[in-house]
Protein backbone atom coordinates (compact mmCIF):
# COMPACT_ATOMS: atom_id res chain seq x y z
CA MET A 1 12.24 0.15 -26.38
CA LYS A 2 10.08 1.87 -27.50
CA THR A 3 8.16 -1.12 -29.25
CA ALA A 4 8.49 -2.74 -25.71
CA ARG A 5 7.04 0.33 -23.69
CA ILE A 6 4.57 0.20 -26.63
CA LEU A 7 3.25 -3.37 -26.05
CA LEU A 8 3.83 -2.55 -22.06
CA ALA A 9 0.83 -0.11 -22.16
CA LEU A 10 -1.36 -2.04 -24.44
CA PRO A 11 -2.86 -3.78 -21.96
CA GLY A 12 -3.43 -1.39 -19.21
CA LEU A 13 -5.69 0.32 -21.80
CA ALA A 14 -7.19 -1.86 -22.49
CA ALA A 15 -7.92 -3.05 -18.65
CA LEU A 16 -9.00 0.64 -18.20
CA ALA A 17 -11.36 0.68 -21.77
CA TYR A 18 -12.96 -3.31 -20.14
CA GLY A 19 -13.27 -0.92 -16.50
CA ILE A 20 -14.89 2.06 -18.49
CA VAL A 21 -17.19 0.37 -20.14
CA LEU A 22 -18.00 -1.91 -17.21
CA PHE A 23 -18.98 1.83 -15.30
CA LEU A 24 -21.25 2.85 -18.54
CA ASP A 25 -23.33 -0.35 -17.84
CA TYR A 26 -23.30 0.21 -14.05
CA ALA A 27 -24.20 3.84 -14.14
CA ALA A 28 -26.35 3.53 -17.32
CA PRO A 29 -29.81 2.33 -15.49
CA ALA A 30 -29.16 4.74 -12.45
CA TRP A 31 -27.32 7.77 -13.35
CA PRO A 32 -28.52 9.76 -9.44
CA ASP A 33 -26.47 6.99 -7.85
CA SER A 34 -23.71 7.13 -10.44
CA VAL A 35 -23.00 10.32 -8.66
CA THR A 36 -21.75 9.53 -5.71
CA THR A 37 -19.85 6.77 -7.78
CA LEU A 38 -17.92 9.84 -9.37
CA VAL A 39 -17.59 11.31 -6.76
CA TRP A 40 -15.84 8.48 -5.64
CA ILE A 41 -13.30 7.83 -8.65
CA GLY A 42 -12.91 10.99 -8.26
CA GLY A 43 -12.65 12.07 -4.92
CA GLY A 44 -10.12 8.81 -4.17
CA PRO A 45 -7.03 10.31 -6.38
CA ILE A 46 -7.45 13.81 -4.82
CA VAL A 47 -7.21 12.09 -1.56
CA ASN A 48 -4.12 10.66 -2.20
CA ASP A 49 -2.61 13.28 -3.98
CA ALA A 50 -3.66 16.14 -1.46
CA VAL A 51 -3.22 14.15 2.32
CA PHE A 52 -1.64 10.44 1.45
CA ALA A 53 1.46 11.76 -1.05
CA PRO A 54 2.42 14.40 1.66
CA LEU A 55 1.33 12.84 4.40
CA ALA A 56 3.11 9.35 3.93
CA GLY A 57 6.72 11.39 2.88
CA VAL A 58 6.85 13.30 5.57
CA VAL A 59 6.56 9.92 7.58
CA GLY A 60 9.61 8.33 5.51
CA LEU A 61 11.63 11.52 6.02
CA LEU A 62 11.00 11.70 9.76
CA LEU A 63 11.81 8.30 9.92
CA THR A 64 14.95 8.68 8.71
CA ARG A 65 16.08 11.24 11.06
CA VAL A 66 15.40 9.12 13.51
CA LEU A 67 15.83 5.87 13.26
CA PRO A 68 18.83 3.29 12.49
CA ARG A 69 19.79 2.44 9.55
CA PRO A 70 19.34 -0.88 9.58
CA TRP A 71 15.24 0.06 10.46
CA ARG A 72 15.33 2.41 8.06
CA ALA A 73 14.06 0.40 5.08
CA PRO A 74 11.89 -2.58 6.26
CA VAL A 75 9.35 0.15 8.81
CA GLN A 76 9.84 2.30 5.48
CA ILE A 77 8.09 -0.77 3.97
CA GLY A 78 5.82 -1.00 6.50
CA ALA A 79 4.83 2.61 6.96
CA VAL A 80 3.51 2.71 2.54
CA LEU A 81 2.33 -1.28 3.47
CA THR A 82 0.09 -0.12 6.55
CA ALA A 83 -0.95 3.40 4.67
CA VAL A 84 -2.13 1.96 1.15
CA LEU A 85 -4.05 -1.21 3.49
CA GLY A 86 -5.80 1.86 5.01
CA PHE A 87 -6.49 3.72 1.84
CA LEU A 88 -7.77 0.30 0.57
CA ALA A 89 -10.06 -0.28 3.19
CA PHE A 90 -11.52 2.73 4.12
CA PRO A 91 -14.74 2.17 1.59
CA LEU A 92 -15.30 -0.69 3.91
CA LEU A 93 -14.14 0.90 7.75
CA TRP A 94 -16.55 3.61 6.73
CA ARG A 95 -19.84 2.33 6.58
CA ALA A 96 -21.38 -0.36 6.65
CA TYR A 97 -21.95 -1.30 3.47
CA GLY A 98 -19.10 0.95 1.70
CA VAL A 99 -19.11 -1.41 -1.16
CA PRO A 100 -21.94 -4.49 -3.03
CA PRO A 101 -22.99 -6.85 -1.41
CA LYS A 102 -21.78 -9.43 -2.82
CA PRO A 103 -20.30 -13.09 -1.19
CA GLY A 104 -16.85 -13.16 -0.13
CA LEU A 105 -14.40 -10.81 1.21
CA HIS A 106 -16.88 -8.06 2.22
CA ASP A 107 -18.99 -10.85 5.07
CA GLY A 108 -16.44 -10.99 6.88
CA ASN A 109 -15.28 -8.57 9.82
CA THR A 110 -13.41 -5.74 8.46
CA TRP A 111 -11.35 -4.12 11.41
CA LEU A 112 -10.57 -7.38 12.54
CA GLY A 113 -8.90 -8.01 8.77
CA LEU A 114 -7.41 -5.84 8.56
CA LEU A 115 -5.73 -5.60 12.66
CA VAL A 116 -4.82 -9.52 11.66
CA THR A 117 -2.95 -8.06 7.69
CA LEU A 118 -0.59 -5.01 10.09
CA ALA A 119 0.19 -7.23 12.41
CA ALA A 120 0.98 -9.57 9.96
CA VAL A 121 3.21 -6.60 8.04
CA TRP A 122 4.92 -5.08 10.96
CA SER A 123 5.20 -8.92 12.38
CA ALA A 124 7.33 -8.89 8.84
CA VAL A 125 8.87 -5.66 9.40
CA LEU A 126 10.48 -6.77 12.54
CA VAL A 127 11.96 -10.36 11.21
CA ALA A 128 13.40 -8.17 8.73
CA SER A 129 14.66 -5.44 11.13
CA VAL A 130 15.72 -7.55 13.91
CA VAL A 131 17.74 -9.50 10.99
CA ARG A 132 19.13 -6.82 9.33
CA ILE A 133 20.98 -5.58 12.78
CA VAL A 134 22.59 -9.61 13.03
CA ARG A 135 24.48 -8.54 9.78
CA VAL A 136 25.75 -5.86 10.84
CA ARG A 137 27.12 -6.79 14.24
CA HIS A 138 28.17 -9.66 12.24
CA ARG A 139 29.84 -8.39 9.09
CA ALA A 140 31.50 -6.33 12.29
CA ALA A 141 32.12 -9.10 13.98
CA ARG A 142 34.85 -10.25 10.59
CA LYS A 143 35.97 -7.05 9.96
CA ILE A 144 36.79 -7.16 13.84
CA ARG A 145 38.73 -10.60 13.84
CA SER A 146 40.21 -9.68 9.98
CA ARG A 147 41.76 -6.77 11.49
CA ALA A 148 43.87 -8.37 14.45
CA ARG A 149 44.59 -11.42 12.66
CA SER A 150 47.10 -8.81 10.11
């Protein structure tokens, strides 16, 4: 078990080292600009731990109290995915050029992309919830039929 953990940790540490090397290549030539990058790198986990994690916990707790059982898990997963997508889209939504301009995803309409993705997530939540409700009703009907026969 210990060997497996070490083998699983090695690629992560290698990726971390590579990320540090890339950041130092970026930061060394442009030191004043890299301070804002350090604020983003350090501020992201702090904002996540101080704002998003407690908020997600409170929302999850409220959802378990309010929603019927078949709706709970899909809605909680949808809420977590919404928070993650919002957190990832935040730099692009906060200002027009929140990331270095490179061809690709950053050229598109960020609001539209986020809304389409959230629509897909919540459509999947709706489908999963309806499937769970149908399964629960089907099981209950089968149980009633088996009791009536005996």
